[in-house]
Amino acid sequence: MQQREARPLLSVALSRDGVWSVNERGPSRVAVAYFPTKWGAMRHAVRVARAKPRCRVAVLEDGGAVGLARDYDNPGSASVETP
C-alpha cells in the first residue's frame, strides 16, 4: 500500500487584535507571517502555495471553521522562487 504524502496547509485567519496571519504547517516547516490587511495575507498565501508542489490554502472564519479552501497542485513548481 502506498503512503500519501502530507499536503502542507496555509491557513489565513483574523486575530482578536485585528491583524491577519498566515500560518504554514507542513511535514518539515512551521511558519507564521502577519499582515495588516486580508488582501496582503491572501496574496502571500497564494504566492507560497504556487511555489510548492502541493499545498492547501484555507481561510478560517470566527471560531476556527473553514470558510474557503483551495488545493494547489503545481508539478513544475520546483523552479519557482518565493520572495
C-alpha atoms as a PDB file:
ATOM      1  CA  MET A   1       0.000   0.000   0.000  1.00  0.00           C
ATOM      2  CA  GLN A   2       1.367   3.390  -0.998  1.00  0.00           C
ATOM      3  CA  GLN A   3       1.538   6.068   1.704  1.00  0.00           C
ATOM      4  CA  ARG A   4       0.206   9.517   0.711  1.00  0.00           C
ATOM      5  CA  GLU A   5       2.484  12.470   1.214  1.00  0.00           C
ATOM      6  CA  ALA A   6       1.127  15.056   3.647  1.00  0.00           C
ATOM      7  CA  ARG A   7      -0.127  18.225   1.961  1.00  0.00           C
ATOM      8  CA  PRO A   8       1.162  21.437   3.600  1.00  0.00           C
ATOM      9  CA  LEU A   9      -1.574  23.737   4.916  1.00  0.00           C
ATOM     10  CA  LEU A  10      -1.618  27.531   4.768  1.00  0.00           C
ATOM     11  CA  SER A  11      -4.358  28.951   6.970  1.00  0.00           C
ATOM     12  CA  VAL A  12      -5.388  32.615   6.800  1.00  0.00           C
ATOM     13  CA  ALA A  13      -7.134  33.984   9.896  1.00  0.00           C
ATOM     14  CA  LEU A  14      -8.008  37.257  11.598  1.00  0.00           C
ATOM     15  CA  SER A  15      -6.682  37.556  15.137  1.00  0.00           C
ATOM     16  CA  ARG A  16      -8.536  39.164  18.029  1.00  0.00           C
ATOM     17  CA  ASP A  17      -6.452  42.320  17.693  1.00  0.00           C
ATOM     18  CA  GLY A  18      -7.345  42.811  14.008  1.00  0.00           C
ATOM     19  CA  VAL A  19      -4.142  41.515  12.407  1.00  0.00           C
ATOM     20  CA  TRP A  20      -4.304  38.885   9.645  1.00  0.00           C
ATOM     21  CA  SER A  21      -1.987  35.897   9.970  1.00  0.00           C
ATOM     22  CA  VAL A  22      -0.844  33.216   7.547  1.00  0.00           C
ATOM     23  CA  ASN A  23       0.132  30.016   9.339  1.00  0.00           C
ATOM     24  CA  GLU A  24       2.097  27.452   7.349  1.00  0.00           C
ATOM     25  CA  ARG A  25       2.190  23.891   8.649  1.00  0.00           C
ATOM     26  CA  GLY A  26       3.857  21.083   6.780  1.00  0.00           C
ATOM     27  CA  PRO A  27       5.878  17.962   7.445  1.00  0.00           C
ATOM     28  CA  SER A  28       9.162  19.875   7.601  1.00  0.00           C
ATOM     29  CA  ARG A  29       8.169  23.513   8.202  1.00  0.00           C
ATOM     30  CA  VAL A  30       6.126  25.677  10.564  1.00  0.00           C
ATOM     31  CA  ALA A  31       5.973  29.433   9.913  1.00  0.00           C
ATOM     32  CA  VAL A  32       3.763  32.412  10.721  1.00  0.00           C
ATOM     33  CA  ALA A  33       3.524  35.744   8.885  1.00  0.00           C
ATOM     34  CA  TYR A  34       1.407  38.762   9.891  1.00  0.00           C
ATOM     35  CA  PHE A  35      -0.331  41.324   7.642  1.00  0.00           C
ATOM     36  CA  PRO A  36      -2.449  44.435   8.283  1.00  0.00           C
ATOM     37  CA  THR A  37      -4.971  43.515   5.550  1.00  0.00           C
ATOM     38  CA  LYS A  38      -6.741  40.386   4.405  1.00  0.00           C
ATOM     39  CA  TRP A  39      -5.659  41.120   0.832  1.00  0.00           C
ATOM     40  CA  GLY A  40      -1.972  41.091   1.826  1.00  0.00           C
ATOM     41  CA  ALA A  41      -2.371  37.831   3.747  1.00  0.00           C
ATOM     42  CA  MET A  42      -4.227  36.140   0.876  1.00  0.00           C
ATOM     43  CA  ARG A  43      -1.696  37.331  -1.697  1.00  0.00           C
ATOM     44  CA  HIS A  44       1.150  35.919   0.419  1.00  0.00           C
ATOM     45  CA  ALA A  45      -0.645  32.588   0.972  1.00  0.00           C
ATOM     46  CA  VAL A  46      -1.361  32.090  -2.740  1.00  0.00           C
ATOM     47  CA  ARG A  47       2.206  33.046  -3.691  1.00  0.00           C
ATOM     48  CA  VAL A  48       3.623  30.481  -1.256  1.00  0.00           C
ATOM     49  CA  ALA A  49       1.097  27.818  -2.358  1.00  0.00           C
ATOM     50  CA  ARG A  50       2.027  28.278  -6.023  1.00  0.00           C
ATOM     51  CA  ALA A  51       5.704  27.779  -5.165  1.00  0.00           C
ATOM     52  CA  LYS A  52       5.063  24.365  -3.598  1.00  0.00           C
ATOM     53  CA  PRO A  53       4.373  21.116  -5.475  1.00  0.00           C
ATOM     54  CA  ARG A  54       1.176  20.525  -3.430  1.00  0.00           C
ATOM     55  CA  CYS A  55      -0.495  22.787  -0.913  1.00  0.00           C
ATOM     56  CA  ARG A  56      -3.893  23.731   0.563  1.00  0.00           C
ATOM     57  CA  VAL A  57      -4.945  27.289   1.423  1.00  0.00           C
ATOM     58  CA  ALA A  58      -7.808  27.690   3.903  1.00  0.00           C
ATOM     59  CA  VAL A  59      -9.459  30.888   5.141  1.00  0.00           C
ATOM     60  CA  LEU A  60     -10.660  30.447   8.710  1.00  0.00           C
ATOM     61  CA  GLU A  61     -13.789  32.197   9.984  1.00  0.00           C
ATOM     62  CA  ASP A  62     -14.509  33.240  13.567  1.00  0.00           C
ATOM     63  CA  GLY A  63     -14.328  30.189  15.790  1.00  0.00           C
ATOM     64  CA  GLY A  64     -11.865  28.365  13.512  1.00  0.00           C
ATOM     65  CA  ALA A  65     -14.312  26.946  10.968  1.00  0.00           C
ATOM     66  CA  VAL A  66     -13.044  26.748   7.378  1.00  0.00           C
ATOM     67  CA  GLY A  67     -14.807  29.390   5.268  1.00  0.00           C
ATOM     68  CA  LEU A  68     -12.960  28.779   1.991  1.00  0.00           C
ATOM     69  CA  ALA A  69     -10.355  26.229   0.920  1.00  0.00           C
ATOM     70  CA  ARG A  70      -8.448  25.534  -2.260  1.00  0.00           C
ATOM     71  CA  ASP A  71      -5.878  22.898  -3.166  1.00  0.00           C
ATOM     72  CA  TYR A  72      -2.921  23.815  -5.361  1.00  0.00           C
ATOM     73  CA  ASP A  73      -1.136  21.113  -7.389  1.00  0.00           C
ATOM     74  CA  ASN A  74       1.905  22.527  -9.158  1.00  0.00           C
ATOM     75  CA  PRO A  75       4.106  19.717 -10.507  1.00  0.00           C
ATOM     76  CA  GLY A  76       6.641  22.138 -12.042  1.00  0.00           C
ATOM     77  CA  SER A  77       6.958  24.424  -9.023  1.00  0.00           C
ATOM     78  CA  ALA A  78      10.429  23.266  -8.004  1.00  0.00           C
ATOM     79  CA  SER A  79      11.954  26.086 -10.063  1.00  0.00           C
ATOM     80  CA  VAL A  80       9.745  28.874  -8.597  1.00  0.00           C
ATOM     81  CA  GLU A  81      11.306  31.169  -6.002  1.00  0.00           C
ATOM     82  CA  THR A  82       9.289  32.932  -3.306  1.00  0.00           C
ATOM     83  CA  PRO A  83      10.343  36.393  -2.157  1.00  0.00           C
END
